[in-house]
Amino acid sequence: MKVYGDIRSGNCYKIKLLAALLGIKHEWLHIDVMAGETRTKEFLARNPNGRVPVLELDDGRLLWESNAIIDYLATGTALLPQDPFLQAQVLQWQFFEQYSHEPFIAVARFIAKYLGLPDERKDEYHAKQPGGHQALAVMESRLSLHPYLVGSHLSVADISLYGYTHVAHEGGFELSGYPAIQAWLRRIEAEPSYVGME
């Protein structure tokens, strides 16, 4: 199967990390977002929303949205709980990631890392900081009582939130005040098949 993505993107990296942890073979096809490669006719035929990542299965079927992709790939493995309540908790954290975490932490990182923190977006960058820290505080509260976000083992919920949390400092979010998050990051990075972002 093929993955179309930008490895520097936390949303794309989630898939790279999950595939490594599960030993899933795939072809990685780099898409340069900044060069407009997600807006080409060819790419839009794969994802009309014009965003990475996109998963193309061996039979040609396509799937987009990072959390949908990792949940699909993790089906039937220990990374996606079978218990309905735990599955709902996974979704709870994935919705949190997309609505309360990513819009602040990932966007601030994009402005700083991809765009170089231009003057015209500095106000927006600084405006993202309170919301990002609020999301980190929610995670810290959970992880101060539990080793992982759902249940007692690593799951796709952790992978979803690891994607941008481990590079939050690139968006101006210092993690030294979040010891439980730091310990959680180390647990994930200690996984035998762990791979880094770049």
N, C-alpha and C. Protein backbone atom coordinates (compact mmCIF):
# COMPACT_ATOMS: atom_id res chain seq x y z
N MET A 1 0.85 -1.19 0.00
CA MET A 1 0.00 0.00 0.00
C MET A 1 0.88 1.24 0.00
N LYS A 2 0.25 2.38 -0.31
CA LYS A 2 1.00 3.62 -0.42
C LYS A 2 0.45 4.65 0.57
N VAL A 3 1.36 5.46 1.11
CA VAL A 3 0.97 6.58 1.94
C VAL A 3 1.51 7.85 1.29
N TYR A 4 0.62 8.78 1.01
CA TYR A 4 0.99 10.08 0.48
C TYR A 4 1.04 11.04 1.66
N GLY A 5 2.22 11.60 1.92
CA GLY A 5 2.31 12.48 3.07
C GLY A 5 3.60 13.27 3.15
N ASP A 6 3.64 14.11 4.16
CA ASP A 6 4.81 14.94 4.50
C ASP A 6 5.24 14.50 5.89
N ILE A 7 6.40 13.91 6.01
CA ILE A 7 6.84 13.33 7.28
C ILE A 7 6.97 14.36 8.38
N ARG A 8 7.13 15.63 8.03
CA ARG A 8 7.24 16.68 9.05
C ARG A 8 5.88 17.01 9.66
N SER A 9 4.81 16.56 9.02
CA SER A 9 3.47 16.79 9.53
C SER A 9 3.14 15.76 10.61
N GLY A 10 2.67 16.23 11.75
CA GLY A 10 2.30 15.30 12.81
C GLY A 10 1.20 14.35 12.38
N ASN A 11 0.26 14.83 11.57
CA ASN A 11 -0.82 13.97 11.10
C ASN A 11 -0.31 12.85 10.20
N CYS A 12 0.68 13.16 9.37
CA CYS A 12 1.27 12.12 8.50
C CYS A 12 2.18 11.19 9.31
N TYR A 13 2.92 11.78 10.23
CA TYR A 13 3.84 10.98 11.05
C TYR A 13 3.11 9.93 11.88
N LYS A 14 1.89 10.22 12.30
CA LYS A 14 1.11 9.23 13.05
C LYS A 14 1.07 7.90 12.30
N ILE A 15 0.88 7.99 10.99
CA ILE A 15 0.78 6.77 10.18
C ILE A 15 2.12 6.07 10.09
N LYS A 16 3.18 6.84 9.93
CA LYS A 16 4.53 6.27 9.88
C LYS A 16 4.85 5.54 11.18
N LEU A 17 4.51 6.16 12.30
CA LEU A 17 4.77 5.55 13.61
C LEU A 17 3.94 4.29 13.80
N LEU A 18 2.65 4.36 13.50
CA LEU A 18 1.79 3.19 13.66
C LEU A 18 2.27 2.04 12.78
N ALA A 19 2.62 2.34 11.53
CA ALA A 19 3.09 1.30 10.62
C ALA A 19 4.36 0.64 11.15
N ALA A 20 5.25 1.44 11.75
CA ALA A 20 6.47 0.88 12.32
C ALA A 20 6.16 -0.02 13.51
N LEU A 21 5.27 0.44 14.39
CA LEU A 21 4.93 -0.34 15.58
C LEU A 21 4.26 -1.66 15.23
N LEU A 22 3.50 -1.67 14.13
CA LEU A 22 2.78 -2.89 13.73
C LEU A 22 3.49 -3.67 12.62
N GLY A 23 4.61 -3.15 12.16
CA GLY A 23 5.34 -3.85 11.10
C GLY A 23 4.61 -3.87 9.77
N ILE A 24 3.90 -2.81 9.46
CA ILE A 24 3.13 -2.74 8.22
C ILE A 24 4.01 -2.18 7.11
N LYS A 25 4.19 -2.95 6.08
CA LYS A 25 5.00 -2.51 4.94
C LYS A 25 4.19 -1.55 4.07
N HIS A 26 4.85 -0.51 3.61
CA HIS A 26 4.17 0.49 2.79
C HIS A 26 5.19 1.29 2.00
N GLU A 27 4.71 1.95 0.98
CA GLU A 27 5.55 2.86 0.20
C GLU A 27 5.18 4.28 0.61
N TRP A 28 6.17 5.07 0.99
CA TRP A 28 5.92 6.45 1.41
C TRP A 28 6.20 7.37 0.22
N LEU A 29 5.20 8.13 -0.18
CA LEU A 29 5.34 9.05 -1.30
C LEU A 29 5.26 10.48 -0.77
N HIS A 30 6.38 11.19 -0.83
CA HIS A 30 6.43 12.54 -0.26
C HIS A 30 5.60 13.52 -1.07
N ILE A 31 4.79 14.27 -0.36
CA ILE A 31 3.98 15.32 -0.97
C ILE A 31 4.43 16.65 -0.36
N ASP A 32 4.86 17.56 -1.18
CA ASP A 32 5.32 18.87 -0.72
C ASP A 32 4.13 19.82 -0.64
N VAL A 33 3.64 19.99 0.56
CA VAL A 33 2.47 20.83 0.79
C VAL A 33 2.76 22.28 0.41
N MET A 34 3.94 22.76 0.78
CA MET A 34 4.29 24.16 0.54
C MET A 34 4.45 24.46 -0.95
N ALA A 35 4.71 23.44 -1.75
CA ALA A 35 4.84 23.63 -3.19
C ALA A 35 3.50 23.46 -3.92
N GLY A 36 2.44 23.27 -3.15
CA GLY A 36 1.11 23.16 -3.74
C GLY A 36 0.77 21.79 -4.29
N GLU A 37 1.52 20.76 -3.89
CA GLU A 37 1.29 19.43 -4.47
C GLU A 37 -0.02 18.79 -4.01
N THR A 38 -0.65 19.33 -2.96
CA THR A 38 -1.95 18.78 -2.55
C THR A 38 -3.09 19.42 -3.33
N ARG A 39 -2.78 20.40 -4.18
CA ARG A 39 -3.82 21.10 -4.94
C ARG A 39 -3.84 20.68 -6.40
N THR A 40 -3.00 19.72 -6.77
CA THR A 40 -2.98 19.28 -8.16
C THR A 40 -4.21 18.44 -8.47
N LYS A 41 -4.56 18.36 -9.74
CA LYS A 41 -5.70 17.56 -10.17
C LYS A 41 -5.52 16.10 -9.77
N GLU A 42 -4.27 15.62 -9.90
CA GLU A 42 -3.97 14.22 -9.59
C GLU A 42 -4.17 13.95 -8.10
N PHE A 43 -3.69 14.86 -7.26
CA PHE A 43 -3.85 14.63 -5.82
C PHE A 43 -5.31 14.78 -5.40
N LEU A 44 -5.99 15.78 -5.93
CA LEU A 44 -7.39 16.00 -5.55
C LEU A 44 -8.29 14.83 -5.96
N ALA A 45 -7.85 14.06 -6.95
CA ALA A 45 -8.59 12.85 -7.31
C ALA A 45 -8.49 11.81 -6.20
N ARG A 46 -7.41 11.87 -5.41
CA ARG A 46 -7.25 10.95 -4.28
C ARG A 46 -7.92 11.48 -3.02
N ASN A 47 -7.84 12.79 -2.82
CA ASN A 47 -8.49 13.41 -1.67
C ASN A 47 -9.03 14.77 -2.09
N PRO A 48 -10.34 14.87 -2.32
CA PRO A 48 -10.92 16.13 -2.77
C PRO A 48 -10.78 17.26 -1.75
N ASN A 49 -10.41 16.90 -0.50
CA ASN A 49 -10.20 17.91 0.53
C ASN A 49 -8.79 18.52 0.41
N GLY A 50 -7.94 17.95 -0.43
CA GLY A 50 -6.64 18.53 -0.70
C GLY A 50 -5.69 18.57 0.48
N ARG A 51 -5.69 17.49 1.26
CA ARG A 51 -4.81 17.43 2.43
C ARG A 51 -4.13 16.07 2.53
N VAL A 52 -2.97 16.09 3.14
CA VAL A 52 -2.29 14.84 3.49
C VAL A 52 -2.59 14.55 4.95
N PRO A 53 -2.53 13.25 5.32
CA PRO A 53 -2.12 12.07 4.56
C PRO A 53 -3.29 11.44 3.81
N VAL A 54 -2.90 10.60 2.83
CA VAL A 54 -3.85 9.76 2.11
C VAL A 54 -3.26 8.35 2.07
N LEU A 55 -4.09 7.37 2.38
CA LEU A 55 -3.70 5.96 2.29
C LEU A 55 -4.33 5.36 1.04
N GLU A 56 -3.50 4.73 0.22
CA GLU A 56 -4.00 4.01 -0.95
C GLU A 56 -3.73 2.52 -0.75
N LEU A 57 -4.79 1.75 -0.66
CA LEU A 57 -4.66 0.32 -0.43
C LEU A 57 -4.24 -0.39 -1.72
N ASP A 58 -3.81 -1.63 -1.57
CA ASP A 58 -3.36 -2.41 -2.73
C ASP A 58 -4.44 -2.54 -3.81
N ASP A 59 -5.70 -2.53 -3.38
CA ASP A 59 -6.80 -2.68 -4.34
C ASP A 59 -7.27 -1.34 -4.91
N GLY A 60 -6.55 -0.25 -4.55
CA GLY A 60 -6.88 1.06 -5.10
C GLY A 60 -7.82 1.90 -4.26
N ARG A 61 -8.41 1.31 -3.22
CA ARG A 61 -9.29 2.10 -2.36
C ARG A 61 -8.47 3.15 -1.61
N LEU A 62 -9.11 4.29 -1.35
CA LEU A 62 -8.43 5.43 -0.74
C LEU A 62 -9.08 5.79 0.59
N LEU A 63 -8.24 6.23 1.52
CA LEU A 63 -8.74 6.66 2.83
C LEU A 63 -7.94 7.89 3.23
N TRP A 64 -8.63 8.92 3.72
CA TRP A 64 -7.94 10.11 4.22
C TRP A 64 -8.49 10.49 5.58
N GLU A 65 -7.83 11.42 6.20
CA GLU A 65 -7.97 11.82 7.61
C GLU A 65 -7.12 10.86 8.47
N SER A 66 -6.14 11.44 9.12
CA SER A 66 -5.12 10.64 9.81
C SER A 66 -5.68 9.67 10.84
N ASN A 67 -6.62 10.12 11.65
CA ASN A 67 -7.14 9.22 12.69
C ASN A 67 -7.97 8.09 12.11
N ALA A 68 -8.69 8.36 11.03
CA ALA A 68 -9.42 7.29 10.35
C ALA A 68 -8.45 6.25 9.80
N ILE A 69 -7.33 6.73 9.25
CA ILE A 69 -6.33 5.82 8.68
C ILE A 69 -5.71 4.95 9.76
N ILE A 70 -5.28 5.55 10.86
CA ILE A 70 -4.61 4.72 11.88
C ILE A 70 -5.59 3.78 12.56
N ASP A 71 -6.83 4.20 12.71
CA ASP A 71 -7.82 3.29 13.30
C ASP A 71 -8.07 2.10 12.37
N TYR A 72 -8.13 2.36 11.08
CA TYR A 72 -8.31 1.27 10.12
C TYR A 72 -7.14 0.30 10.18
N LEU A 73 -5.93 0.84 10.16
CA LEU A 73 -4.74 -0.01 10.16
C LEU A 73 -4.57 -0.79 11.46
N ALA A 74 -5.07 -0.22 12.55
CA ALA A 74 -4.90 -0.87 13.86
C ALA A 74 -6.02 -1.84 14.20
N THR A 75 -7.05 -1.92 13.35
CA THR A 75 -8.18 -2.82 13.62
C THR A 75 -7.68 -4.27 13.76
N GLY A 76 -8.10 -4.90 14.84
CA GLY A 76 -7.69 -6.28 15.09
C GLY A 76 -6.37 -6.42 15.82
N THR A 77 -5.76 -5.30 16.20
CA THR A 77 -4.50 -5.33 16.95
C THR A 77 -4.74 -4.80 18.36
N ALA A 78 -3.72 -4.95 19.20
CA ALA A 78 -3.82 -4.46 20.57
C ALA A 78 -3.87 -2.94 20.65
N LEU A 79 -3.54 -2.25 19.57
CA LEU A 79 -3.53 -0.78 19.60
C LEU A 79 -4.93 -0.17 19.46
N LEU A 80 -5.92 -0.99 19.11
CA LEU A 80 -7.30 -0.52 19.05
C LEU A 80 -8.15 -1.45 19.91
N PRO A 81 -8.51 -0.99 21.11
CA PRO A 81 -9.25 -1.87 22.03
C PRO A 81 -10.54 -2.40 21.42
N GLN A 82 -10.90 -3.61 21.82
CA GLN A 82 -12.14 -4.23 21.32
C GLN A 82 -13.34 -3.88 22.18
N ASP A 83 -13.10 -3.56 23.44
CA ASP A 83 -14.20 -3.21 24.34
C ASP A 83 -14.87 -1.92 23.84
N PRO A 84 -16.21 -1.92 23.70
CA PRO A 84 -16.90 -0.76 23.15
C PRO A 84 -16.65 0.54 23.92
N PHE A 85 -16.59 0.45 25.25
CA PHE A 85 -16.36 1.67 26.03
C PHE A 85 -14.95 2.19 25.79
N LEU A 86 -13.96 1.30 25.75
CA LEU A 86 -12.59 1.74 25.49
C LEU A 86 -12.46 2.28 24.07
N GLN A 87 -13.17 1.68 23.13
CA GLN A 87 -13.17 2.22 21.76
C GLN A 87 -13.73 3.64 21.75
N ALA A 88 -14.79 3.85 22.51
CA ALA A 88 -15.38 5.19 22.59
C ALA A 88 -14.41 6.18 23.23
N GLN A 89 -13.64 5.71 24.23
CA GLN A 89 -12.63 6.57 24.83
C GLN A 89 -11.53 6.94 23.84
N VAL A 90 -11.15 5.97 22.99
CA VAL A 90 -10.18 6.27 21.94
C VAL A 90 -10.71 7.40 21.07
N LEU A 91 -11.96 7.28 20.62
CA LEU A 91 -12.55 8.32 19.79
C LEU A 91 -12.64 9.65 20.54
N GLN A 92 -12.94 9.57 21.82
CA GLN A 92 -13.00 10.77 22.65
C GLN A 92 -11.69 11.55 22.57
N TRP A 93 -10.58 10.84 22.74
CA TRP A 93 -9.27 11.50 22.69
C TRP A 93 -8.90 11.92 21.28
N GLN A 94 -9.33 11.18 20.27
CA GLN A 94 -9.04 11.58 18.90
C GLN A 94 -9.83 12.82 18.50
N PHE A 95 -11.07 12.93 18.96
CA PHE A 95 -11.83 14.16 18.71
C PHE A 95 -11.20 15.33 19.46
N PHE A 96 -10.77 15.07 20.68
CA PHE A 96 -10.07 16.10 21.46
C PHE A 96 -8.83 16.57 20.70
N GLU A 97 -8.09 15.61 20.14
CA GLU A 97 -6.87 15.95 19.40
C GLU A 97 -7.17 16.87 18.23
N GLN A 98 -8.23 16.57 17.51
CA GLN A 98 -8.54 17.35 16.31
C GLN A 98 -9.20 18.70 16.61
N TYR A 99 -9.93 18.79 17.72
CA TYR A 99 -10.68 20.02 17.99
C TYR A 99 -10.07 20.90 19.09
N SER A 100 -9.34 20.32 20.03
CA SER A 100 -8.84 21.09 21.17
C SER A 100 -7.32 21.16 21.23
N HIS A 101 -6.63 20.33 20.49
CA HIS A 101 -5.16 20.23 20.56
C HIS A 101 -4.53 20.70 19.26
N GLU A 102 -4.84 20.03 18.17
CA GLU A 102 -4.23 20.31 16.87
C GLU A 102 -4.45 21.75 16.39
N PRO A 103 -5.65 22.34 16.55
CA PRO A 103 -5.85 23.70 16.06
C PRO A 103 -4.96 24.75 16.73
N PHE A 104 -4.42 24.42 17.89
CA PHE A 104 -3.54 25.35 18.60
C PHE A 104 -2.07 24.96 18.43
N ILE A 105 -1.74 23.75 18.83
CA ILE A 105 -0.35 23.32 18.83
C ILE A 105 0.19 23.13 17.42
N ALA A 106 -0.58 22.44 16.58
CA ALA A 106 -0.10 22.20 15.21
C ALA A 106 -0.06 23.49 14.40
N VAL A 107 -1.04 24.35 14.58
CA VAL A 107 -1.07 25.59 13.81
C VAL A 107 0.07 26.52 14.23
N ALA A 108 0.31 26.62 15.54
CA ALA A 108 1.44 27.44 16.00
C ALA A 108 2.76 26.89 15.46
N ARG A 109 2.88 25.58 15.45
CA ARG A 109 4.10 24.96 14.91
C ARG A 109 4.22 25.23 13.41
N PHE A 110 3.13 25.17 12.69
CA PHE A 110 3.16 25.44 11.25
C PHE A 110 3.63 26.87 10.98
N ILE A 111 3.10 27.81 11.75
CA ILE A 111 3.48 29.22 11.56
C ILE A 111 4.97 29.41 11.84
N ALA A 112 5.47 28.73 12.88
CA ALA A 112 6.88 28.89 13.25
C ALA A 112 7.81 28.07 12.37
N LYS A 113 7.50 26.78 12.21
CA LYS A 113 8.44 25.87 11.52
C LYS A 113 8.34 25.95 10.00
N TYR A 114 7.14 25.94 9.48
CA TYR A 114 6.96 25.95 8.03
C TYR A 114 7.09 27.36 7.44
N LEU A 115 6.52 28.34 8.14
CA LEU A 115 6.47 29.70 7.59
C LEU A 115 7.57 30.61 8.12
N GLY A 116 8.27 30.17 9.19
CA GLY A 116 9.35 30.99 9.73
C GLY A 116 8.88 32.15 10.58
N LEU A 117 7.68 32.04 11.15
CA LEU A 117 7.10 33.06 12.04
C LEU A 117 7.13 34.45 11.42
N PRO A 118 6.44 34.62 10.30
CA PRO A 118 6.42 35.94 9.65
C PRO A 118 5.69 36.98 10.50
N ASP A 119 6.08 38.22 10.36
CA ASP A 119 5.50 39.30 11.17
C ASP A 119 3.98 39.34 11.09
N GLU A 120 3.44 39.09 9.89
CA GLU A 120 2.00 39.21 9.72
C GLU A 120 1.21 38.09 10.41
N ARG A 121 1.92 37.07 10.91
CA ARG A 121 1.21 35.98 11.60
C ARG A 121 1.65 35.82 13.06
N LYS A 122 2.45 36.75 13.54
CA LYS A 122 2.91 36.65 14.94
C LYS A 122 1.76 36.77 15.93
N ASP A 123 0.81 37.65 15.67
CA ASP A 123 -0.32 37.78 16.58
C ASP A 123 -1.12 36.48 16.65
N GLU A 124 -1.32 35.85 15.50
CA GLU A 124 -2.03 34.58 15.47
C GLU A 124 -1.26 33.51 16.23
N TYR A 125 0.06 33.49 16.03
CA TYR A 125 0.94 32.53 16.73
C TYR A 125 0.79 32.69 18.24
N HIS A 126 0.87 33.91 18.72
CA HIS A 126 0.77 34.14 20.17
C HIS A 126 -0.63 33.84 20.68
N ALA A 127 -1.64 34.06 19.85
CA ALA A 127 -3.02 33.78 20.26
C ALA A 127 -3.28 32.29 20.42
N LYS A 128 -2.46 31.45 19.78
CA LYS A 128 -2.63 30.00 19.87
C LYS A 128 -2.08 29.43 21.19
N GLN A 129 -1.23 30.17 21.86
CA GLN A 129 -0.54 29.63 23.04
C GLN A 129 -1.48 29.25 24.19
N PRO A 130 -2.43 30.10 24.60
CA PRO A 130 -3.31 29.69 25.72
C PRO A 130 -4.10 28.42 25.44
N GLY A 131 -4.66 28.30 24.24
CA GLY A 131 -5.43 27.11 23.90
C GLY A 131 -4.58 25.86 23.88
N GLY A 132 -3.34 25.99 23.39
CA GLY A 132 -2.43 24.85 23.39
C GLY A 132 -2.08 24.40 24.79
N HIS A 133 -1.83 25.36 25.66
CA HIS A 133 -1.51 24.99 27.04
C HIS A 133 -2.72 24.41 27.77
N GLN A 134 -3.90 24.87 27.41
CA GLN A 134 -5.11 24.28 28.00
C GLN A 134 -5.22 22.81 27.61
N ALA A 135 -4.95 22.50 26.33
CA ALA A 135 -5.00 21.10 25.88
C ALA A 135 -3.94 20.27 26.58
N LEU A 136 -2.74 20.81 26.72
CA LEU A 136 -1.67 20.08 27.41
C LEU A 136 -2.03 19.84 28.87
N ALA A 137 -2.71 20.79 29.50
CA ALA A 137 -3.12 20.62 30.90
C ALA A 137 -4.13 19.48 31.04
N VAL A 138 -5.03 19.34 30.06
CA VAL A 138 -5.99 18.23 30.08
C VAL A 138 -5.25 16.90 30.00
N MET A 139 -4.29 16.83 29.09
CA MET A 139 -3.49 15.61 28.96
C MET A 139 -2.69 15.33 30.22
N GLU A 140 -2.09 16.36 30.78
CA GLU A 140 -1.29 16.20 31.99
C GLU A 140 -2.13 15.64 33.13
N SER A 141 -3.36 16.13 33.24
CA SER A 141 -4.27 15.66 34.29
C SER A 141 -4.53 14.16 34.14
N ARG A 142 -4.81 13.72 32.93
CA ARG A 142 -5.07 12.31 32.67
C ARG A 142 -3.82 11.47 32.90
N LEU A 143 -2.70 11.92 32.35
CA LEU A 143 -1.48 11.11 32.39
C LEU A 143 -0.79 11.13 33.75
N SER A 144 -1.19 12.04 34.60
CA SER A 144 -0.65 12.01 35.97
C SER A 144 -1.26 10.88 36.78
N LEU A 145 -2.39 10.33 36.28
CA LEU A 145 -3.08 9.24 36.98
C LEU A 145 -3.02 7.91 36.24
N HIS A 146 -2.71 7.96 34.94
CA HIS A 146 -2.70 6.76 34.10
C HIS A 146 -1.48 6.79 33.18
N PRO A 147 -0.89 5.63 32.88
CA PRO A 147 0.29 5.62 32.02
C PRO A 147 -0.01 5.96 30.57
N TYR A 148 -1.24 5.68 30.14
CA TYR A 148 -1.65 5.96 28.76
C TYR A 148 -3.01 6.62 28.76
N LEU A 149 -3.43 7.13 27.63
CA LEU A 149 -4.68 7.89 27.58
C LEU A 149 -5.92 7.01 27.71
N VAL A 150 -5.83 5.77 27.23
CA VAL A 150 -6.96 4.84 27.30
C VAL A 150 -6.46 3.50 27.83
N GLY A 151 -7.08 3.02 28.89
CA GLY A 151 -6.66 1.73 29.45
C GLY A 151 -5.25 1.80 30.01
N SER A 152 -4.60 0.66 30.09
CA SER A 152 -3.27 0.59 30.70
C SER A 152 -2.17 0.30 29.68
N HIS A 153 -2.52 0.34 28.40
CA HIS A 153 -1.55 0.03 27.35
C HIS A 153 -1.61 1.09 26.24
N LEU A 154 -0.55 1.13 25.47
CA LEU A 154 -0.49 2.02 24.31
C LEU A 154 -1.65 1.73 23.36
N SER A 155 -2.25 2.80 22.84
CA SER A 155 -3.33 2.64 21.86
C SER A 155 -3.21 3.73 20.81
N VAL A 156 -4.09 3.65 19.82
CA VAL A 156 -4.10 4.67 18.78
C VAL A 156 -4.44 6.06 19.35
N ALA A 157 -5.08 6.11 20.49
CA ALA A 157 -5.33 7.41 21.12
C ALA A 157 -4.01 8.10 21.45
N ASP A 158 -3.06 7.32 21.98
CA ASP A 158 -1.75 7.87 22.29
C ASP A 158 -1.01 8.30 21.03
N ILE A 159 -1.09 7.48 20.00
CA ILE A 159 -0.40 7.80 18.74
C ILE A 159 -0.99 9.08 18.15
N SER A 160 -2.31 9.22 18.21
CA SER A 160 -2.95 10.43 17.69
C SER A 160 -2.39 11.68 18.36
N LEU A 161 -2.26 11.65 19.67
CA LEU A 161 -1.83 12.83 20.39
C LEU A 161 -0.31 12.97 20.45
N TYR A 162 0.40 11.87 20.29
CA TYR A 162 1.86 11.94 20.28
C TYR A 162 2.35 12.74 19.07
N GLY A 163 1.65 12.60 17.94
CA GLY A 163 2.09 13.20 16.68
C GLY A 163 2.53 14.64 16.81
N TYR A 164 1.71 15.48 17.42
CA TYR A 164 2.06 16.89 17.57
C TYR A 164 2.58 17.24 18.95
N THR A 165 2.25 16.43 19.97
CA THR A 165 2.72 16.78 21.32
C THR A 165 4.24 16.67 21.41
N HIS A 166 4.83 15.66 20.78
CA HIS A 166 6.28 15.48 20.93
C HIS A 166 7.10 16.56 20.23
N VAL A 167 6.45 17.33 19.36
CA VAL A 167 7.13 18.46 18.71
C VAL A 167 6.46 19.79 19.09
N ALA A 168 5.74 19.80 20.20
CA ALA A 168 5.03 21.01 20.63
C ALA A 168 5.98 22.18 20.85
N HIS A 169 7.21 21.87 21.27
CA HIS A 169 8.19 22.95 21.51
C HIS A 169 8.48 23.74 20.24
N GLU A 170 8.30 23.10 19.08
CA GLU A 170 8.52 23.80 17.81
C GLU A 170 7.43 24.83 17.54
N GLY A 171 6.37 24.77 18.31
CA GLY A 171 5.31 25.77 18.22
C GLY A 171 5.30 26.70 19.41
N GLY A 172 6.37 26.65 20.21
CA GLY A 172 6.50 27.54 21.35
C GLY A 172 5.95 27.00 22.66
N PHE A 173 5.59 25.72 22.69
CA PHE A 173 5.00 25.13 23.90
C PHE A 173 6.07 24.36 24.67
N GLU A 174 6.59 24.96 25.70
CA GLU A 174 7.60 24.33 26.52
C GLU A 174 6.95 23.25 27.39
N LEU A 175 7.49 22.04 27.34
CA LEU A 175 6.88 20.91 28.05
C LEU A 175 7.47 20.65 29.43
N SER A 176 8.41 21.47 29.86
CA SER A 176 9.06 21.22 31.16
C SER A 176 8.07 21.29 32.32
N GLY A 177 6.98 22.00 32.13
CA GLY A 177 5.97 22.10 33.19
C GLY A 177 4.95 20.99 33.18
N TYR A 178 5.18 19.99 32.33
CA TYR A 178 4.24 18.87 32.19
C TYR A 178 4.98 17.55 32.38
N PRO A 179 5.34 17.22 33.62
CA PRO A 179 6.14 16.00 33.85
C PRO A 179 5.45 14.71 33.44
N ALA A 180 4.14 14.62 33.60
CA ALA A 180 3.44 13.39 33.21
C ALA A 180 3.46 13.22 31.70
N ILE A 181 3.32 14.30 30.97
CA ILE A 181 3.42 14.23 29.51
C ILE A 181 4.82 13.81 29.10
N GLN A 182 5.83 14.35 29.75
CA GLN A 182 7.21 13.99 29.42
C GLN A 182 7.46 12.50 29.65
N ALA A 183 6.94 11.97 30.76
CA ALA A 183 7.11 10.54 31.05
C ALA A 183 6.37 9.70 30.01
N TRP A 184 5.20 10.15 29.59
CA TRP A 184 4.41 9.46 28.56
C TRP A 184 5.16 9.45 27.23
N LEU A 185 5.75 10.57 26.87
CA LEU A 185 6.55 10.62 25.64
C LEU A 185 7.68 9.60 25.69
N ARG A 186 8.34 9.51 26.84
CA ARG A 186 9.46 8.55 26.97
C ARG A 186 8.97 7.12 26.86
N ARG A 187 7.79 6.83 27.40
CA ARG A 187 7.24 5.47 27.30
C ARG A 187 7.00 5.10 25.83
N ILE A 188 6.44 6.02 25.09
CA ILE A 188 6.18 5.74 23.68
C ILE A 188 7.50 5.57 22.92
N GLU A 189 8.46 6.42 23.19
CA GLU A 189 9.75 6.37 22.50
C GLU A 189 10.56 5.13 22.86
N ALA A 190 10.18 4.47 23.95
CA ALA A 190 10.86 3.23 24.36
C ALA A 190 10.27 1.99 23.69
N GLU A 191 9.19 2.17 22.92
CA GLU A 191 8.60 1.03 22.21
C GLU A 191 9.64 0.43 21.26
N PRO A 192 9.74 -0.91 21.19
CA PRO A 192 10.80 -1.56 20.41
C PRO A 192 10.90 -1.14 18.95
N SER A 193 9.79 -0.90 18.30
CA SER A 193 9.81 -0.56 16.87
C SER A 193 9.59 0.92 16.59
N TYR A 194 9.77 1.74 17.62
CA TYR A 194 9.55 3.18 17.49
C TYR A 194 10.44 3.78 16.38
N VAL A 195 9.85 4.70 15.63
CA VAL A 195 10.62 5.50 14.65
C VAL A 195 10.32 6.97 14.90
N GLY A 196 11.33 7.80 14.73
CA GLY A 196 11.16 9.23 14.91
C GLY A 196 10.54 9.88 13.69
N MET A 197 10.26 11.16 13.82
CA MET A 197 9.59 11.90 12.74
C MET A 197 10.47 12.03 11.51
N GLU A 198 11.77 12.32 11.69
CA GLU A 198 12.65 12.50 10.53
C GLU A 198 13.93 11.72 10.72
